[in-house]
Protein backbone atom coordinates (compact mmCIF):
# COMPACT_ATOMS: atom_id res chain seq x y z
CA MET A 1 10.66 -11.87 -14.01
CA THR A 2 11.64 -9.54 -11.35
CA VAL A 3 11.29 -5.80 -11.84
CA GLY A 4 11.81 -2.79 -9.64
CA GLU A 5 14.37 -2.08 -6.89
CA LEU A 6 15.31 -5.93 -6.79
CA GLU A 7 15.64 -6.58 -10.88
CA ILE A 8 19.15 -5.65 -10.84
CA PRO A 9 20.30 -7.46 -7.65
CA VAL A 10 18.35 -10.58 -8.89
CA GLN A 11 20.29 -10.28 -12.28
CA THR A 12 23.85 -10.05 -10.80
CA GLY A 13 23.06 -12.25 -8.25
CA LYS A 14 23.56 -10.49 -5.33
CA VAL A 15 19.76 -11.75 -4.52
CA GLN A 16 19.01 -15.17 -4.92
CA PRO A 17 15.00 -15.49 -6.23
CA ALA A 18 14.37 -17.93 -3.32
CA GLN A 19 15.09 -15.00 -0.97
CA LEU A 20 12.23 -13.11 -2.26
CA THR A 21 8.60 -13.62 -0.72
CA GLU A 22 5.42 -11.55 -1.46
CA ILE A 23 4.41 -9.01 1.80
CA GLY A 24 1.20 -10.56 2.27
CA HIS A 25 2.72 -14.19 2.80
CA VAL A 26 4.95 -12.51 5.99
CA LEU A 27 2.00 -10.60 7.28
CA LEU A 28 -0.10 -13.72 7.29
CA GLY A 29 2.80 -15.48 8.99
CA GLN A 30 3.11 -18.12 6.21
CA VAL A 31 6.59 -16.68 5.87
CA THR A 32 8.84 -15.75 8.60
CA GLY A 33 10.38 -12.05 8.25
CA ARG A 34 13.74 -10.92 9.42
CA GLN A 35 14.63 -12.45 12.68
CA THR A 36 17.97 -10.11 13.50
CA ALA A 37 18.42 -6.41 12.81
CA GLU A 38 20.87 -7.15 10.36
CA GLU A 39 18.55 -8.73 8.32
CA ILE A 40 17.13 -6.31 5.46
CA THR A 41 13.54 -5.97 4.42
CA VAL A 42 12.80 -4.31 1.26
CA PHE A 43 8.95 -4.06 -0.12
CA ASP A 44 8.97 -3.37 -3.78
CA SER A 45 5.25 -1.89 -4.54
CA THR A 46 6.09 -1.87 -8.39
CA GLY A 47 3.22 -2.74 -10.02
CA ILE A 48 0.69 -1.04 -7.99
CA ALA A 49 -0.51 1.88 -10.21
CA LEU A 50 -3.15 2.98 -7.70
CA GLN A 51 -0.91 3.51 -5.00
CA ASP A 52 1.26 5.86 -7.27
CA LEU A 53 -2.16 7.87 -8.00
CA ALA A 54 -3.08 8.27 -4.57
CA VAL A 55 0.46 9.67 -3.51
CA THR A 56 0.39 11.69 -6.94
CA LYS A 57 -2.93 13.74 -5.94
CA GLN A 58 -1.45 14.11 -2.16
CA VAL A 59 1.53 15.54 -3.35
CA LEU A 60 -0.54 17.99 -5.82
CA ASP A 61 -3.05 18.67 -3.50
CA THR A 62 -0.82 19.58 -0.91
CA ALA A 63 1.42 21.89 -3.30
CA THR A 64 -1.81 23.55 -4.43
CA GLU A 65 -2.61 24.32 -0.97
CA ARG A 66 0.90 25.71 -0.13
CA LYS A 67 0.95 27.55 -3.57
CA ILE A 68 4.63 26.08 -3.91
CA GLY A 69 6.03 24.10 -6.90
CA GLN A 70 5.08 24.97 -10.77
CA ILE A 71 3.09 23.26 -13.54
CA VAL A 72 5.34 21.76 -16.57
CA GLU A 73 4.09 20.50 -20.20
CA LEU A 74 5.28 17.50 -20.87
């Protein structure tokens, strides 16, 4: 099952599941990354909640330091 940025392109047939791989496989040289400037690489980090939390904290800290933004209740 594909989720995130690639969910709709896979469902509509614009991207084939065989075209997808894990970024770690590319980094380890197990799969060849893009070969030309025309090819596109999409890094879909869906599911990495820790990364979301780290970015959120950085944004909150920066906004607090600069005294910008506002707090809203959800």
